[in-house]
Amino acid sequence: MPPRGHPRRGIRVWGLACVAAASVAIADPAAETSRTCEVTSVPEARILADKLYEKGDYQHAGACYEVAGDMAHANLAFLQAAGPESEDTARALKAQRDAARSLLATVEHAFRSDH
């Protein structure tokens, strides 16, 4: 007959595993809030967009190009921004995968040590 605390220990391990897995599944560090253009007039938006694009702030520049009504440049800026964001997302997914593998290994070890 197993010791009295044995079933509860397994339940605690599963509970912790579920909470940790949920936090890994929900976490998305690469996701950022989309930026908006601070100006509303078309000429100011165009000038600001050009400056932001030159600085490499492509996402923000794209938002300002949209305000300026220049969809061609807005799309180019957004495409330019997508490259680095995709790389960040790939790195974040790899980190989440590694964390999930580590968690699974810990849970498996906990169950093996109980028996």
C-alpha atoms as a PDB file:
ATOM      1  CA  MET A   1       0.000   0.000   0.000  1.00  0.00           C
ATOM      2  CA  PRO A   2       1.454   3.417  -0.962  1.00  0.00           C
ATOM      3  CA  PRO A   3       2.197   5.981   1.724  1.00  0.00           C
ATOM      4  CA  ARG A   4      -0.638   8.336   2.647  1.00  0.00           C
ATOM      5  CA  GLY A   5       0.857  11.478   0.981  1.00  0.00           C
ATOM      6  CA  HIS A   6       1.714   9.668  -2.258  1.00  0.00           C
ATOM      7  CA  PRO A   7      -1.479  10.418  -4.299  1.00  0.00           C
ATOM      8  CA  ARG A   8      -1.467  14.041  -3.227  1.00  0.00           C
ATOM      9  CA  ARG A   9       2.135  14.464  -4.320  1.00  0.00           C
ATOM     10  CA  GLY A  10       1.202  13.280  -7.809  1.00  0.00           C
ATOM     11  CA  ILE A  11      -1.744  15.656  -7.925  1.00  0.00           C
ATOM     12  CA  ARG A  12       0.481  18.553  -6.869  1.00  0.00           C
ATOM     13  CA  VAL A  13       3.030  17.703  -9.549  1.00  0.00           C
ATOM     14  CA  TRP A  14       0.311  17.552 -12.211  1.00  0.00           C
ATOM     15  CA  GLY A  15      -1.185  20.824 -10.977  1.00  0.00           C
ATOM     16  CA  LEU A  16       2.157  22.579 -11.145  1.00  0.00           C
ATOM     17  CA  ALA A  17       2.816  21.085 -14.563  1.00  0.00           C
ATOM     18  CA  CYS A  18      -0.530  22.326 -15.877  1.00  0.00           C
ATOM     19  CA  VAL A  19       0.024  25.847 -14.540  1.00  0.00           C
ATOM     20  CA  ALA A  20       3.531  25.981 -15.993  1.00  0.00           C
ATOM     21  CA  ALA A  21       2.374  24.608 -19.344  1.00  0.00           C
ATOM     22  CA  ALA A  22      -0.419  27.177 -19.495  1.00  0.00           C
ATOM     23  CA  SER A  23       2.006  30.011 -18.825  1.00  0.00           C
ATOM     24  CA  VAL A  24       4.330  28.746 -21.574  1.00  0.00           C
ATOM     25  CA  ALA A  25       1.425  28.421 -24.009  1.00  0.00           C
ATOM     26  CA  ILE A  26       0.082  31.882 -23.225  1.00  0.00           C
ATOM     27  CA  ALA A  27       3.445  33.673 -23.224  1.00  0.00           C
ATOM     28  CA  ASP A  28       4.308  35.443 -26.450  1.00  0.00           C
ATOM     29  CA  PRO A  29       7.223  37.797 -25.872  1.00  0.00           C
ATOM     30  CA  ALA A  30       7.661  38.588 -29.525  1.00  0.00           C
ATOM     31  CA  ALA A  31       4.215  40.069 -29.748  1.00  0.00           C
ATOM     32  CA  GLU A  32       4.171  43.807 -29.399  1.00  0.00           C
ATOM     33  CA  THR A  33       1.380  46.325 -29.500  1.00  0.00           C
ATOM     34  CA  SER A  34       1.115  47.979 -32.864  1.00  0.00           C
ATOM     35  CA  ARG A  35       2.344  51.547 -32.968  1.00  0.00           C
ATOM     36  CA  THR A  36       0.286  54.412 -34.221  1.00  0.00           C
ATOM     37  CA  CYS A  37       1.312  57.690 -35.766  1.00  0.00           C
ATOM     38  CA  GLU A  38       1.286  60.620 -33.349  1.00  0.00           C
ATOM     39  CA  VAL A  39       0.340  63.167 -36.003  1.00  0.00           C
ATOM     40  CA  THR A  40      -2.920  63.378 -37.929  1.00  0.00           C
ATOM     41  CA  SER A  41      -2.196  65.839 -40.711  1.00  0.00           C
ATOM     42  CA  VAL A  42      -1.110  64.334 -44.014  1.00  0.00           C
ATOM     43  CA  PRO A  43       2.015  66.487 -44.564  1.00  0.00           C
ATOM     44  CA  GLU A  44       3.279  65.965 -40.999  1.00  0.00           C
ATOM     45  CA  ALA A  45       2.604  62.231 -41.204  1.00  0.00           C
ATOM     46  CA  ARG A  46       4.591  61.977 -44.432  1.00  0.00           C
ATOM     47  CA  ILE A  47       7.571  63.864 -42.966  1.00  0.00           C
ATOM     48  CA  LEU A  48       7.516  61.823 -39.761  1.00  0.00           C
ATOM     49  CA  ALA A  49       7.190  58.574 -41.723  1.00  0.00           C
ATOM     50  CA  ASP A  50      10.252  59.417 -43.831  1.00  0.00           C
ATOM     51  CA  LYS A  51      12.294  60.195 -40.709  1.00  0.00           C
ATOM     52  CA  LEU A  52      11.178  57.010 -38.947  1.00  0.00           C
ATOM     53  CA  TYR A  53      11.960  54.919 -42.022  1.00  0.00           C
ATOM     54  CA  GLU A  54      15.463  56.377 -42.200  1.00  0.00           C
ATOM     55  CA  LYS A  55      15.986  55.502 -38.518  1.00  0.00           C
ATOM     56  CA  GLY A  56      14.858  51.922 -39.152  1.00  0.00           C
ATOM     57  CA  ASP A  57      11.598  52.143 -37.184  1.00  0.00           C
ATOM     58  CA  TYR A  58       9.701  50.523 -40.040  1.00  0.00           C
ATOM     59  CA  GLN A  59       6.532  49.502 -38.172  1.00  0.00           C
ATOM     60  CA  HIS A  60       6.019  53.024 -36.858  1.00  0.00           C
ATOM     61  CA  ALA A  61       6.881  54.507 -40.264  1.00  0.00           C
ATOM     62  CA  GLY A  62       4.298  52.263 -41.916  1.00  0.00           C
ATOM     63  CA  ALA A  63       1.595  53.556 -39.568  1.00  0.00           C
ATOM     64  CA  CYS A  64       2.513  57.148 -40.448  1.00  0.00           C
ATOM     65  CA  TYR A  65       2.561  56.376 -44.174  1.00  0.00           C
ATOM     66  CA  GLU A  66      -0.976  55.019 -43.759  1.00  0.00           C
ATOM     67  CA  VAL A  67      -2.073  58.276 -42.100  1.00  0.00           C
ATOM     68  CA  ALA A  68      -0.465  60.142 -45.001  1.00  0.00           C
ATOM     69  CA  GLY A  69      -2.451  57.979 -47.441  1.00  0.00           C
ATOM     70  CA  ASP A  70       0.703  56.534 -49.032  1.00  0.00           C
ATOM     71  CA  MET A  71      -0.198  52.837 -49.042  1.00  0.00           C
ATOM     72  CA  ALA A  72       2.653  51.797 -51.319  1.00  0.00           C
ATOM     73  CA  HIS A  73       5.282  53.127 -48.912  1.00  0.00           C
ATOM     74  CA  ALA A  74       3.272  51.862 -45.923  1.00  0.00           C
ATOM     75  CA  ASN A  75       3.329  48.324 -47.332  1.00  0.00           C
ATOM     76  CA  LEU A  76       7.054  48.540 -48.024  1.00  0.00           C
ATOM     77  CA  ALA A  77       7.711  49.714 -44.468  1.00  0.00           C
ATOM     78  CA  PHE A  78       5.566  46.941 -42.991  1.00  0.00           C
ATOM     79  CA  LEU A  79       7.353  44.342 -45.123  1.00  0.00           C
ATOM     80  CA  GLN A  80      10.685  45.701 -43.952  1.00  0.00           C
ATOM     81  CA  ALA A  81       9.484  45.419 -40.327  1.00  0.00           C
ATOM     82  CA  ALA A  82       8.226  41.857 -40.790  1.00  0.00           C
ATOM     83  CA  GLY A  83      11.701  40.376 -41.279  1.00  0.00           C
ATOM     84  CA  PRO A  84      13.136  41.155 -37.834  1.00  0.00           C
ATOM     85  CA  GLU A  85       9.815  40.441 -36.110  1.00  0.00           C
ATOM     86  CA  SER A  86       9.681  37.018 -37.745  1.00  0.00           C
ATOM     87  CA  GLU A  87      13.172  36.255 -36.440  1.00  0.00           C
ATOM     88  CA  ASP A  88      12.161  37.398 -32.948  1.00  0.00           C
ATOM     89  CA  THR A  89       9.067  35.207 -33.101  1.00  0.00           C
ATOM     90  CA  ALA A  90      11.125  32.207 -34.194  1.00  0.00           C
ATOM     91  CA  ARG A  91      13.540  32.732 -31.280  1.00  0.00           C
ATOM     92  CA  ALA A  92      10.643  33.093 -28.834  1.00  0.00           C
ATOM     93  CA  LEU A  93       8.994  29.911 -30.096  1.00  0.00           C
ATOM     94  CA  LYS A  94      12.272  28.025 -29.751  1.00  0.00           C
ATOM     95  CA  ALA A  95      12.638  29.272 -26.168  1.00  0.00           C
ATOM     96  CA  GLN A  96       9.060  28.208 -25.378  1.00  0.00           C
ATOM     97  CA  ARG A  97       9.695  24.784 -26.917  1.00  0.00           C
ATOM     98  CA  ASP A  98      12.818  24.357 -24.809  1.00  0.00           C
ATOM     99  CA  ALA A  99      10.922  25.418 -21.678  1.00  0.00           C
ATOM    100  CA  ALA A 100       8.144  22.912 -22.427  1.00  0.00           C
ATOM    101  CA  ARG A 101      10.681  20.118 -22.947  1.00  0.00           C
ATOM    102  CA  SER A 102      12.380  20.989 -19.677  1.00  0.00           C
ATOM    103  CA  LEU A 103       9.044  21.004 -17.867  1.00  0.00           C
ATOM    104  CA  LEU A 104       8.111  17.625 -19.330  1.00  0.00           C
ATOM    105  CA  ALA A 105      11.460  16.174 -18.274  1.00  0.00           C
ATOM    106  CA  THR A 106      10.925  17.496 -14.747  1.00  0.00           C
ATOM    107  CA  VAL A 107       7.434  15.989 -14.544  1.00  0.00           C
ATOM    108  CA  GLU A 108       8.657  12.656 -15.883  1.00  0.00           C
ATOM    109  CA  HIS A 109      11.480  12.654 -13.342  1.00  0.00           C
ATOM    110  CA  ALA A 110       9.038  13.445 -10.534  1.00  0.00           C
ATOM    111  CA  PHE A 111       6.806  10.523 -11.471  1.00  0.00           C
ATOM    112  CA  ARG A 112       9.716   8.116 -11.821  1.00  0.00           C
ATOM    113  CA  SER A 113      11.088   9.077  -8.408  1.00  0.00           C
ATOM    114  CA  ASP A 114       7.660   8.492  -6.793  1.00  0.00           C
ATOM    115  CA  HIS A 115       7.612   4.830  -7.829  1.00  0.00           C
END
